[in-house]
Amino acid sequence: MTRIVGVLLAAGAGRRMGGPKALVDGADGLPWAVSASRALSAGGCDEVVVVLGAGAAQAGRLLADEPVRTVVADDWASGLAASLRTGLTAAAATGAEAALVHLVDLPDVGAAVVRRVADRSAPDALARASYAVGPGHPVLLGRSHWAAVMTASDGDRGAAGYLARHDVELVDCADLATGIDHDAPEVDAHAQHPR
């Protein structure tokens, strides 16, 4: 069985949200960083790495009792790619053969979606969840792709350029979630402003 590490990207400042999204309380009363990391664990990830940046100290305290490893992307402000590189570097130290990369601002993406995508896991896998709105997260990256993804990642596009140039299996998850990211409070009536 392929060993999978969940990589949760939760470093952004969330300017349109009013503060770091890792700290936003969802409809279930849990901070998004907590609920998203739990979805990765419950969905089959053997380990979870949470990449923090803005609000790292606060988010770290919220995650202190969770079975996750937190790392800080010192250059998080330069864009999503910096967080992705930090996360994959941390993943490499776990001995995992695949990484399931997820974003903190997808509150309706739960363990069932994670499990469905993780089922495609292999050292050479390239797969991602797909919803009614199109391809989204989580994204499954077999270890054989990590170095190239880190090299190709740039700015706020993360692995998008790399994935566009390769054959990626789309895993239909439209029956499980919308996959819509929540960038501003009006997108999610249940979201509470960061602590």
N, C-alpha and C. Protein backbone atom coordinates (compact mmCIF):
# COMPACT_ATOMS: atom_id res chain seq x y z
N MET A 1 0.84 -1.19 0.00
CA MET A 1 0.00 0.00 0.00
C MET A 1 0.88 1.26 0.00
N THR A 2 0.51 2.21 -0.81
CA THR A 2 1.28 3.45 -0.92
C THR A 2 1.09 4.31 0.31
N ARG A 3 2.20 4.79 0.85
CA ARG A 3 2.15 5.68 2.01
C ARG A 3 1.87 7.10 1.53
N ILE A 4 0.84 7.74 2.09
CA ILE A 4 0.40 9.06 1.64
C ILE A 4 0.55 10.08 2.76
N VAL A 5 1.09 11.24 2.41
CA VAL A 5 1.13 12.36 3.34
C VAL A 5 0.17 13.43 2.84
N GLY A 6 -0.67 13.91 3.72
CA GLY A 6 -1.54 15.03 3.39
C GLY A 6 -0.77 16.33 3.60
N VAL A 7 -0.84 17.22 2.62
CA VAL A 7 -0.17 18.51 2.73
C VAL A 7 -1.25 19.59 2.66
N LEU A 8 -1.51 20.23 3.77
CA LEU A 8 -2.53 21.26 3.85
C LEU A 8 -1.88 22.64 3.74
N LEU A 9 -2.23 23.37 2.69
CA LEU A 9 -1.69 24.71 2.49
C LEU A 9 -2.60 25.71 3.20
N ALA A 10 -2.07 26.30 4.28
CA ALA A 10 -2.87 27.18 5.14
C ALA A 10 -2.07 28.41 5.56
N ALA A 11 -1.27 28.94 4.63
CA ALA A 11 -0.34 30.01 4.98
C ALA A 11 -0.83 31.41 4.63
N GLY A 12 -1.83 31.53 3.78
CA GLY A 12 -2.21 32.84 3.24
C GLY A 12 -2.78 33.81 4.26
N ALA A 13 -2.67 35.09 3.92
CA ALA A 13 -3.13 36.16 4.81
C ALA A 13 -4.65 36.33 4.78
N GLY A 14 -5.31 35.85 3.73
CA GLY A 14 -6.77 35.95 3.64
C GLY A 14 -7.25 37.39 3.68
N ARG A 15 -6.62 38.25 2.90
CA ARG A 15 -6.97 39.68 2.94
C ARG A 15 -8.46 39.92 2.69
N ARG A 16 -9.03 39.24 1.68
CA ARG A 16 -10.46 39.43 1.39
C ARG A 16 -11.34 38.81 2.46
N MET A 17 -10.82 37.83 3.18
CA MET A 17 -11.58 37.18 4.25
C MET A 17 -11.53 37.99 5.54
N GLY A 18 -10.56 38.88 5.64
CA GLY A 18 -10.41 39.69 6.84
C GLY A 18 -9.35 39.16 7.79
N GLY A 19 -8.63 38.15 7.39
CA GLY A 19 -7.56 37.58 8.21
C GLY A 19 -7.21 36.19 7.70
N PRO A 20 -6.20 35.57 8.28
CA PRO A 20 -5.76 34.24 7.82
C PRO A 20 -6.90 33.22 7.82
N LYS A 21 -7.03 32.52 6.69
CA LYS A 21 -8.12 31.55 6.56
C LYS A 21 -7.95 30.36 7.49
N ALA A 22 -6.73 30.06 7.88
CA ALA A 22 -6.50 28.96 8.81
C ALA A 22 -7.26 29.17 10.12
N LEU A 23 -7.54 30.43 10.45
CA LEU A 23 -8.17 30.78 11.72
C LEU A 23 -9.68 30.94 11.64
N VAL A 24 -10.24 30.86 10.43
CA VAL A 24 -11.68 31.07 10.26
C VAL A 24 -12.45 29.90 10.85
N ASP A 25 -13.49 30.20 11.61
CA ASP A 25 -14.36 29.17 12.15
C ASP A 25 -15.43 28.83 11.13
N GLY A 26 -15.59 27.55 10.83
CA GLY A 26 -16.60 27.10 9.89
C GLY A 26 -17.95 26.88 10.55
N ALA A 27 -18.89 26.37 9.77
CA ALA A 27 -20.25 26.12 10.27
C ALA A 27 -20.26 25.13 11.42
N ASP A 28 -19.24 24.25 11.47
CA ASP A 28 -19.17 23.25 12.54
C ASP A 28 -18.50 23.79 13.80
N GLY A 29 -18.10 25.07 13.76
CA GLY A 29 -17.47 25.69 14.92
C GLY A 29 -15.97 25.44 15.02
N LEU A 30 -15.44 24.66 14.09
CA LEU A 30 -14.01 24.36 14.11
C LEU A 30 -13.27 25.32 13.18
N PRO A 31 -12.05 25.71 13.56
CA PRO A 31 -11.23 26.48 12.63
C PRO A 31 -10.97 25.66 11.37
N TRP A 32 -10.95 26.33 10.22
CA TRP A 32 -10.75 25.61 8.96
C TRP A 32 -9.48 24.77 8.97
N ALA A 33 -8.42 25.25 9.61
CA ALA A 33 -7.17 24.48 9.65
C ALA A 33 -7.38 23.14 10.34
N VAL A 34 -8.20 23.13 11.37
CA VAL A 34 -8.47 21.90 12.11
C VAL A 34 -9.35 20.97 11.29
N SER A 35 -10.47 21.49 10.75
CA SER A 35 -11.38 20.62 10.02
C SER A 35 -10.74 20.07 8.75
N ALA A 36 -9.94 20.87 8.06
CA ALA A 36 -9.29 20.40 6.83
C ALA A 36 -8.23 19.35 7.15
N SER A 37 -7.47 19.55 8.22
CA SER A 37 -6.45 18.55 8.57
C SER A 37 -7.10 17.25 9.01
N ARG A 38 -8.24 17.35 9.69
CA ARG A 38 -8.96 16.13 10.10
C ARG A 38 -9.52 15.40 8.88
N ALA A 39 -9.98 16.14 7.87
CA ALA A 39 -10.48 15.50 6.65
C ALA A 39 -9.37 14.71 5.97
N LEU A 40 -8.15 15.26 5.96
CA LEU A 40 -7.03 14.54 5.36
C LEU A 40 -6.73 13.26 6.13
N SER A 41 -6.71 13.35 7.44
CA SER A 41 -6.45 12.15 8.26
C SER A 41 -7.55 11.11 8.10
N ALA A 42 -8.80 11.55 8.21
CA ALA A 42 -9.92 10.61 8.12
C ALA A 42 -10.07 10.03 6.72
N GLY A 43 -9.56 10.75 5.71
CA GLY A 43 -9.66 10.29 4.34
C GLY A 43 -8.58 9.33 3.91
N GLY A 44 -7.66 9.02 4.81
CA GLY A 44 -6.67 8.00 4.50
C GLY A 44 -5.22 8.42 4.46
N CYS A 45 -4.93 9.68 4.76
CA CYS A 45 -3.52 10.10 4.79
C CYS A 45 -2.84 9.53 6.03
N ASP A 46 -1.65 8.98 5.84
CA ASP A 46 -0.92 8.38 6.95
C ASP A 46 -0.34 9.44 7.89
N GLU A 47 0.01 10.58 7.33
CA GLU A 47 0.50 11.72 8.10
C GLU A 47 -0.07 12.97 7.48
N VAL A 48 -0.11 14.06 8.25
CA VAL A 48 -0.57 15.35 7.73
C VAL A 48 0.43 16.42 8.11
N VAL A 49 0.83 17.19 7.10
CA VAL A 49 1.70 18.34 7.28
C VAL A 49 0.87 19.58 6.98
N VAL A 50 0.84 20.53 7.90
CA VAL A 50 0.10 21.77 7.69
C VAL A 50 1.11 22.90 7.52
N VAL A 51 1.03 23.57 6.38
CA VAL A 51 1.95 24.66 6.07
C VAL A 51 1.31 25.98 6.52
N LEU A 52 1.97 26.66 7.43
CA LEU A 52 1.47 27.91 7.99
C LEU A 52 2.32 29.09 7.53
N GLY A 53 1.78 30.28 7.67
CA GLY A 53 2.50 31.51 7.31
C GLY A 53 1.91 32.66 8.10
N ALA A 54 0.94 33.37 7.50
CA ALA A 54 0.25 34.44 8.23
C ALA A 54 -0.49 33.84 9.41
N GLY A 55 -0.35 34.47 10.57
CA GLY A 55 -1.02 33.95 11.76
C GLY A 55 -0.49 32.62 12.23
N ALA A 56 0.77 32.31 11.92
CA ALA A 56 1.33 30.99 12.21
C ALA A 56 1.29 30.64 13.70
N ALA A 57 1.58 31.60 14.56
CA ALA A 57 1.60 31.30 16.00
C ALA A 57 0.21 30.92 16.49
N GLN A 58 -0.80 31.69 16.07
CA GLN A 58 -2.18 31.40 16.47
C GLN A 58 -2.65 30.07 15.90
N ALA A 59 -2.40 29.86 14.63
CA ALA A 59 -2.82 28.62 13.99
C ALA A 59 -2.12 27.43 14.62
N GLY A 60 -0.86 27.60 14.93
CA GLY A 60 -0.11 26.53 15.59
C GLY A 60 -0.72 26.13 16.91
N ARG A 61 -1.20 27.12 17.67
CA ARG A 61 -1.87 26.82 18.94
C ARG A 61 -3.18 26.05 18.71
N LEU A 62 -3.92 26.44 17.67
CA LEU A 62 -5.18 25.75 17.37
C LEU A 62 -4.96 24.29 16.99
N LEU A 63 -3.80 24.02 16.40
CA LEU A 63 -3.48 22.68 15.93
C LEU A 63 -2.65 21.86 16.92
N ALA A 64 -2.36 22.46 18.06
CA ALA A 64 -1.43 21.83 19.01
C ALA A 64 -1.87 20.45 19.47
N ASP A 65 -3.17 20.21 19.57
CA ASP A 65 -3.66 18.91 20.04
C ASP A 65 -4.04 17.97 18.90
N GLU A 66 -3.80 18.41 17.67
CA GLU A 66 -4.12 17.59 16.50
C GLU A 66 -2.91 16.74 16.11
N PRO A 67 -3.12 15.56 15.55
CA PRO A 67 -1.99 14.70 15.14
C PRO A 67 -1.41 15.13 13.80
N VAL A 68 -0.88 16.34 13.77
CA VAL A 68 -0.31 16.90 12.54
C VAL A 68 1.06 17.47 12.83
N ARG A 69 1.82 17.66 11.77
CA ARG A 69 3.11 18.36 11.87
C ARG A 69 2.92 19.71 11.22
N THR A 70 3.27 20.78 11.90
CA THR A 70 3.18 22.12 11.31
C THR A 70 4.56 22.59 10.89
N VAL A 71 4.59 23.24 9.73
CA VAL A 71 5.82 23.87 9.24
C VAL A 71 5.44 25.27 8.79
N VAL A 72 6.39 26.18 8.85
CA VAL A 72 6.13 27.56 8.45
C VAL A 72 6.87 27.86 7.16
N ALA A 73 6.13 28.39 6.19
CA ALA A 73 6.73 28.84 4.93
C ALA A 73 7.16 30.29 5.15
N ASP A 74 8.46 30.49 5.37
CA ASP A 74 8.95 31.83 5.67
C ASP A 74 8.64 32.83 4.56
N ASP A 75 8.58 32.34 3.32
CA ASP A 75 8.32 33.22 2.17
C ASP A 75 6.88 33.11 1.70
N TRP A 76 5.95 32.79 2.60
CA TRP A 76 4.55 32.56 2.26
C TRP A 76 3.94 33.73 1.49
N ALA A 77 4.37 34.97 1.79
CA ALA A 77 3.77 36.15 1.16
C ALA A 77 4.06 36.22 -0.34
N SER A 78 5.02 35.44 -0.82
CA SER A 78 5.34 35.48 -2.26
C SER A 78 4.34 34.67 -3.09
N GLY A 79 3.46 33.91 -2.43
CA GLY A 79 2.42 33.19 -3.17
C GLY A 79 2.31 31.73 -2.78
N LEU A 80 1.31 31.10 -3.35
CA LEU A 80 0.98 29.70 -3.06
C LEU A 80 2.15 28.76 -3.34
N ALA A 81 2.94 29.07 -4.36
CA ALA A 81 4.05 28.19 -4.73
C ALA A 81 5.04 28.02 -3.58
N ALA A 82 5.27 29.09 -2.83
CA ALA A 82 6.20 29.01 -1.70
C ALA A 82 5.69 28.02 -0.65
N SER A 83 4.39 28.05 -0.40
CA SER A 83 3.80 27.12 0.56
C SER A 83 3.87 25.69 0.05
N LEU A 84 3.61 25.52 -1.24
CA LEU A 84 3.66 24.18 -1.84
C LEU A 84 5.07 23.60 -1.73
N ARG A 85 6.08 24.41 -2.04
CA ARG A 85 7.47 23.93 -1.94
C ARG A 85 7.81 23.55 -0.51
N THR A 86 7.39 24.37 0.44
CA THR A 86 7.65 24.06 1.85
C THR A 86 6.96 22.76 2.25
N GLY A 87 5.72 22.59 1.80
CA GLY A 87 4.97 21.39 2.14
C GLY A 87 5.56 20.13 1.55
N LEU A 88 5.97 20.20 0.28
CA LEU A 88 6.55 19.01 -0.36
C LEU A 88 7.92 18.70 0.21
N THR A 89 8.67 19.71 0.61
CA THR A 89 9.97 19.48 1.26
C THR A 89 9.75 18.74 2.58
N ALA A 90 8.75 19.17 3.34
CA ALA A 90 8.43 18.49 4.60
C ALA A 90 7.92 17.08 4.34
N ALA A 91 7.14 16.92 3.28
CA ALA A 91 6.60 15.60 2.93
C ALA A 91 7.72 14.62 2.61
N ALA A 92 8.76 15.11 1.96
CA ALA A 92 9.87 14.25 1.57
C ALA A 92 10.53 13.60 2.78
N ALA A 93 10.49 14.29 3.91
CA ALA A 93 11.11 13.76 5.12
C ALA A 93 10.28 12.66 5.78
N THR A 94 9.05 12.48 5.33
CA THR A 94 8.17 11.48 5.95
C THR A 94 8.34 10.08 5.36
N GLY A 95 8.99 10.00 4.21
CA GLY A 95 9.13 8.71 3.55
C GLY A 95 7.90 8.31 2.75
N ALA A 96 6.95 9.22 2.62
CA ALA A 96 5.73 8.93 1.86
C ALA A 96 6.04 8.81 0.37
N GLU A 97 5.18 8.08 -0.32
CA GLU A 97 5.35 7.87 -1.76
C GLU A 97 4.40 8.73 -2.59
N ALA A 98 3.47 9.41 -1.90
CA ALA A 98 2.54 10.30 -2.58
C ALA A 98 2.11 11.39 -1.61
N ALA A 99 1.79 12.55 -2.15
CA ALA A 99 1.30 13.66 -1.35
C ALA A 99 -0.08 14.06 -1.86
N LEU A 100 -0.99 14.27 -0.94
CA LEU A 100 -2.32 14.76 -1.29
C LEU A 100 -2.38 16.21 -0.83
N VAL A 101 -2.31 17.12 -1.79
CA VAL A 101 -2.22 18.56 -1.49
C VAL A 101 -3.64 19.13 -1.43
N HIS A 102 -3.92 19.81 -0.35
CA HIS A 102 -5.25 20.36 -0.11
C HIS A 102 -5.14 21.82 0.32
N LEU A 103 -6.21 22.57 0.11
CA LEU A 103 -6.26 23.98 0.50
C LEU A 103 -7.18 24.16 1.70
N VAL A 104 -6.83 25.10 2.57
CA VAL A 104 -7.57 25.29 3.81
C VAL A 104 -8.94 25.92 3.59
N ASP A 105 -9.15 26.59 2.46
CA ASP A 105 -10.39 27.35 2.26
C ASP A 105 -11.44 26.61 1.43
N LEU A 106 -11.49 25.30 1.58
CA LEU A 106 -12.49 24.47 0.90
C LEU A 106 -13.29 23.72 1.96
N PRO A 107 -14.10 24.42 2.73
CA PRO A 107 -14.73 23.80 3.91
C PRO A 107 -15.70 22.67 3.62
N ASP A 108 -16.23 22.58 2.40
CA ASP A 108 -17.17 21.47 2.16
C ASP A 108 -16.49 20.23 1.59
N VAL A 109 -15.18 20.29 1.42
CA VAL A 109 -14.43 19.13 0.94
C VAL A 109 -13.99 18.32 2.16
N GLY A 110 -14.63 17.17 2.33
CA GLY A 110 -14.37 16.37 3.51
C GLY A 110 -13.63 15.08 3.23
N ALA A 111 -13.69 14.20 4.21
CA ALA A 111 -12.93 12.95 4.15
C ALA A 111 -13.33 12.06 2.98
N ALA A 112 -14.59 12.11 2.57
CA ALA A 112 -15.03 11.25 1.46
C ALA A 112 -14.34 11.64 0.16
N VAL A 113 -14.18 12.93 -0.06
CA VAL A 113 -13.46 13.40 -1.25
C VAL A 113 -11.99 12.98 -1.16
N VAL A 114 -11.39 13.22 -0.01
CA VAL A 114 -9.99 12.84 0.20
C VAL A 114 -9.79 11.36 -0.10
N ARG A 115 -10.68 10.52 0.42
CA ARG A 115 -10.56 9.07 0.25
C ARG A 115 -10.66 8.69 -1.24
N ARG A 116 -11.59 9.32 -1.94
CA ARG A 116 -11.79 8.97 -3.34
C ARG A 116 -10.55 9.31 -4.18
N VAL A 117 -9.94 10.45 -3.90
CA VAL A 117 -8.73 10.83 -4.65
C VAL A 117 -7.54 10.00 -4.18
N ALA A 118 -7.43 9.79 -2.88
CA ALA A 118 -6.30 9.03 -2.33
C ALA A 118 -6.28 7.59 -2.83
N ASP A 119 -7.43 7.06 -3.21
CA ASP A 119 -7.50 5.69 -3.74
C ASP A 119 -6.67 5.51 -5.01
N ARG A 120 -6.31 6.60 -5.67
CA ARG A 120 -5.49 6.54 -6.90
C ARG A 120 -4.00 6.60 -6.58
N SER A 121 -3.66 6.55 -5.32
CA SER A 121 -2.30 6.79 -4.88
C SER A 121 -1.28 5.79 -5.42
N ALA A 122 -0.16 6.32 -5.89
CA ALA A 122 0.98 5.54 -6.38
C ALA A 122 2.15 6.50 -6.50
N PRO A 123 3.39 5.99 -6.51
CA PRO A 123 4.55 6.88 -6.60
C PRO A 123 4.59 7.74 -7.87
N ASP A 124 3.88 7.32 -8.92
CA ASP A 124 3.87 8.10 -10.16
C ASP A 124 2.51 8.74 -10.45
N ALA A 125 1.63 8.75 -9.46
CA ALA A 125 0.26 9.24 -9.66
C ALA A 125 0.20 10.75 -9.89
N LEU A 126 -0.74 11.15 -10.73
CA LEU A 126 -1.14 12.55 -10.91
C LEU A 126 -2.65 12.53 -11.04
N ALA A 127 -3.34 12.99 -10.01
CA ALA A 127 -4.80 12.98 -10.02
C ALA A 127 -5.30 14.17 -9.23
N ARG A 128 -6.53 14.55 -9.52
CA ARG A 128 -7.13 15.65 -8.74
C ARG A 128 -8.64 15.52 -8.74
N ALA A 129 -9.24 16.06 -7.69
CA ALA A 129 -10.69 16.06 -7.59
C ALA A 129 -11.26 16.97 -8.67
N SER A 130 -12.44 16.59 -9.16
CA SER A 130 -13.14 17.40 -10.14
C SER A 130 -14.57 17.59 -9.65
N TYR A 131 -15.08 18.81 -9.83
CA TYR A 131 -16.41 19.17 -9.36
C TYR A 131 -17.21 19.77 -10.51
N ALA A 132 -18.44 20.17 -10.24
CA ALA A 132 -19.26 20.80 -11.27
C ALA A 132 -18.59 22.05 -11.82
N VAL A 133 -17.80 22.74 -10.98
CA VAL A 133 -17.10 23.96 -11.40
C VAL A 133 -15.79 23.66 -12.13
N GLY A 134 -15.39 22.37 -12.18
CA GLY A 134 -14.16 22.00 -12.86
C GLY A 134 -13.15 21.37 -11.92
N PRO A 135 -11.91 21.19 -12.39
CA PRO A 135 -10.87 20.57 -11.57
C PRO A 135 -10.56 21.41 -10.33
N GLY A 136 -10.25 20.72 -9.25
CA GLY A 136 -9.95 21.43 -8.01
C GLY A 136 -9.01 20.64 -7.12
N HIS A 137 -9.20 20.80 -5.82
CA HIS A 137 -8.38 20.14 -4.81
C HIS A 137 -9.24 19.16 -4.01
N PRO A 138 -8.60 18.15 -3.43
CA PRO A 138 -7.16 17.92 -3.35
C PRO A 138 -6.56 17.41 -4.65
N VAL A 139 -5.23 17.58 -4.71
CA VAL A 139 -4.43 17.13 -5.85
C VAL A 139 -3.47 16.06 -5.34
N LEU A 140 -3.45 14.93 -6.02
CA LEU A 140 -2.57 13.82 -5.65
C LEU A 140 -1.31 13.87 -6.51
N LEU A 141 -0.17 13.96 -5.85
CA LEU A 141 1.13 14.00 -6.53
C LEU A 141 1.98 12.83 -6.08
N GLY A 142 2.24 11.89 -6.99
CA GLY A 142 3.17 10.82 -6.68
C GLY A 142 4.57 11.40 -6.47
N ARG A 143 5.36 10.75 -5.65
CA ARG A 143 6.68 11.28 -5.29
C ARG A 143 7.58 11.53 -6.49
N SER A 144 7.40 10.76 -7.56
CA SER A 144 8.26 10.95 -8.74
C SER A 144 8.05 12.32 -9.38
N HIS A 145 6.98 13.02 -9.02
CA HIS A 145 6.69 14.35 -9.58
C HIS A 145 7.13 15.50 -8.67
N TRP A 146 7.46 15.22 -7.42
CA TRP A 146 7.66 16.30 -6.46
C TRP A 146 8.74 17.29 -6.85
N ALA A 147 9.89 16.80 -7.24
CA ALA A 147 10.99 17.71 -7.58
C ALA A 147 10.62 18.62 -8.75
N ALA A 148 10.01 18.04 -9.78
CA ALA A 148 9.62 18.84 -10.94
C ALA A 148 8.53 19.84 -10.59
N VAL A 149 7.58 19.45 -9.75
CA VAL A 149 6.52 20.36 -9.33
C VAL A 149 7.12 21.53 -8.55
N MET A 150 8.06 21.25 -7.66
CA MET A 150 8.68 22.34 -6.88
C MET A 150 9.43 23.30 -7.79
N THR A 151 10.11 22.77 -8.79
CA THR A 151 10.85 23.62 -9.73
C THR A 151 9.90 24.46 -10.58
N ALA A 152 8.79 23.88 -10.99
CA ALA A 152 7.86 24.56 -11.90
C ALA A 152 6.92 25.52 -11.18
N SER A 153 6.75 25.37 -9.88
CA SER A 153 5.80 26.20 -9.14
C SER A 153 6.26 27.64 -9.09
N ASP A 154 5.29 28.54 -9.27
CA ASP A 154 5.63 29.96 -9.32
C ASP A 154 4.45 30.80 -8.84
N GLY A 155 4.74 31.79 -8.01
CA GLY A 155 3.72 32.74 -7.59
C GLY A 155 2.52 32.08 -6.95
N ASP A 156 1.33 32.53 -7.37
CA ASP A 156 0.09 32.01 -6.80
C ASP A 156 -0.48 30.83 -7.57
N ARG A 157 0.23 30.35 -8.57
CA ARG A 157 -0.29 29.24 -9.37
C ARG A 157 0.10 27.87 -8.84
N GLY A 158 1.01 27.79 -7.92
CA GLY A 158 1.38 26.49 -7.37
C GLY A 158 1.76 25.50 -8.45
N ALA A 159 1.08 24.36 -8.46
CA ALA A 159 1.40 23.30 -9.42
C ALA A 159 0.59 23.39 -10.71
N ALA A 160 -0.21 24.43 -10.88
CA ALA A 160 -1.13 24.51 -12.02
C ALA A 160 -0.43 24.37 -13.37
N GLY A 161 0.69 25.04 -13.55
CA GLY A 161 1.42 24.96 -14.81
C GLY A 161 1.91 23.55 -15.09
N TYR A 162 2.45 22.91 -14.07
CA TYR A 162 2.94 21.53 -14.22
C TYR A 162 1.79 20.60 -14.58
N LEU A 163 0.69 20.72 -13.87
CA LEU A 163 -0.45 19.84 -14.12
C LEU A 163 -1.02 20.05 -15.51
N ALA A 164 -0.98 21.28 -16.00
CA ALA A 164 -1.51 21.58 -17.34
C ALA A 164 -0.70 20.90 -18.44
N ARG A 165 0.56 20.61 -18.16
CA ARG A 165 1.45 20.00 -19.16
C ARG A 165 1.52 18.47 -19.05
N HIS A 166 0.77 17.90 -18.14
CA HIS A 166 0.83 16.45 -17.92
C HIS A 166 -0.57 15.85 -17.93
N ASP A 167 -0.61 14.54 -18.10
CA ASP A 167 -1.87 13.81 -18.10
C ASP A 167 -2.30 13.58 -16.66
N VAL A 168 -3.34 14.28 -16.25
CA VAL A 168 -3.82 14.21 -14.87
C VAL A 168 -5.19 13.51 -14.85
N GLU A 169 -5.32 12.49 -14.01
CA GLU A 169 -6.60 11.82 -13.88
C GLU A 169 -7.55 12.71 -13.08
N LEU A 170 -8.72 12.99 -13.66
CA LEU A 170 -9.74 13.76 -12.95
C LEU A 170 -10.66 12.78 -12.22
N VAL A 171 -10.81 12.99 -10.93
CA VAL A 171 -11.62 12.11 -10.09
C VAL A 171 -12.91 12.85 -9.77
N ASP A 172 -14.01 12.39 -10.34
CA ASP A 172 -15.29 13.07 -10.17
C ASP A 172 -15.76 13.00 -8.71
N CYS A 173 -15.87 14.18 -8.10
CA CYS A 173 -16.33 14.28 -6.70
C CYS A 173 -17.52 15.22 -6.59
N ALA A 174 -18.17 15.51 -7.71
CA ALA A 174 -19.28 16.46 -7.72
C ALA A 174 -20.45 16.00 -6.85
N ASP A 175 -20.54 14.70 -6.62
CA ASP A 175 -21.61 14.19 -5.77
C ASP A 175 -21.30 14.35 -4.28
N LEU A 176 -20.07 14.75 -3.97
CA LEU A 176 -19.64 14.84 -2.58
C LEU A 176 -19.45 16.26 -2.07
N ALA A 177 -19.12 17.19 -2.97
CA ALA A 177 -18.81 18.56 -2.55
C ALA A 177 -18.88 19.50 -3.74
N THR A 178 -18.88 20.81 -3.44
CA THR A 178 -18.84 21.81 -4.52
C THR A 178 -17.42 22.10 -4.95
N GLY A 179 -16.46 21.98 -4.01
CA GLY A 179 -15.07 22.29 -4.31
C GLY A 179 -14.80 23.76 -4.50
N ILE A 180 -15.73 24.62 -4.09
CA ILE A 180 -15.58 26.07 -4.26
C ILE A 180 -14.74 26.64 -3.12
N ASP A 181 -13.70 27.41 -3.49
CA ASP A 181 -12.88 28.02 -2.45
C ASP A 181 -13.58 29.28 -1.93
N HIS A 182 -13.36 29.56 -0.68
CA HIS A 182 -14.03 30.66 0.01
C HIS A 182 -13.01 31.76 0.29
N ASP A 183 -13.07 32.78 -0.55
CA ASP A 183 -12.09 33.87 -0.46
C ASP A 183 -12.56 35.07 0.33
N ALA A 184 -13.88 35.18 0.52
CA ALA A 184 -14.43 36.34 1.22
C ALA A 184 -15.60 35.89 2.08
N PRO A 185 -15.90 36.61 3.18
CA PRO A 185 -16.96 36.18 4.08
C PRO A 185 -18.32 36.00 3.41
N GLU A 186 -18.62 36.82 2.39
CA GLU A 186 -19.94 36.71 1.77
C GLU A 186 -20.10 35.41 0.97
N VAL A 187 -19.00 34.74 0.65
CA VAL A 187 -19.08 33.46 -0.06
C VAL A 187 -19.62 32.38 0.86
N ASP A 188 -19.32 32.48 2.13
CA ASP A 188 -19.75 31.48 3.10
C ASP A 188 -20.43 32.17 4.26
N ALA A 189 -21.74 32.11 4.30
CA ALA A 189 -22.50 32.79 5.34
C ALA A 189 -22.19 32.24 6.73
N HIS A 190 -21.66 31.00 6.79
CA HIS A 190 -21.37 30.40 8.09
C HIS A 190 -19.98 30.78 8.61
N ALA A 191 -19.12 31.25 7.75
CA ALA A 191 -17.75 31.55 8.17
C ALA A 191 -17.73 32.71 9.14
N GLN A 192 -17.02 32.52 10.21
CA GLN A 192 -16.84 33.59 11.19
C GLN A 192 -15.48 34.22 10.98
N HIS A 193 -15.42 35.52 11.12
CA HIS A 193 -14.14 36.20 10.94
C HIS A 193 -13.09 35.59 11.85
N PRO A 194 -11.84 35.62 11.40
CA PRO A 194 -10.77 34.99 12.17
C PRO A 194 -10.72 35.48 13.61
N ARG A 195 -10.25 34.59 14.46
CA ARG A 195 -10.15 34.88 15.90
C ARG A 195 -9.25 36.06 16.17
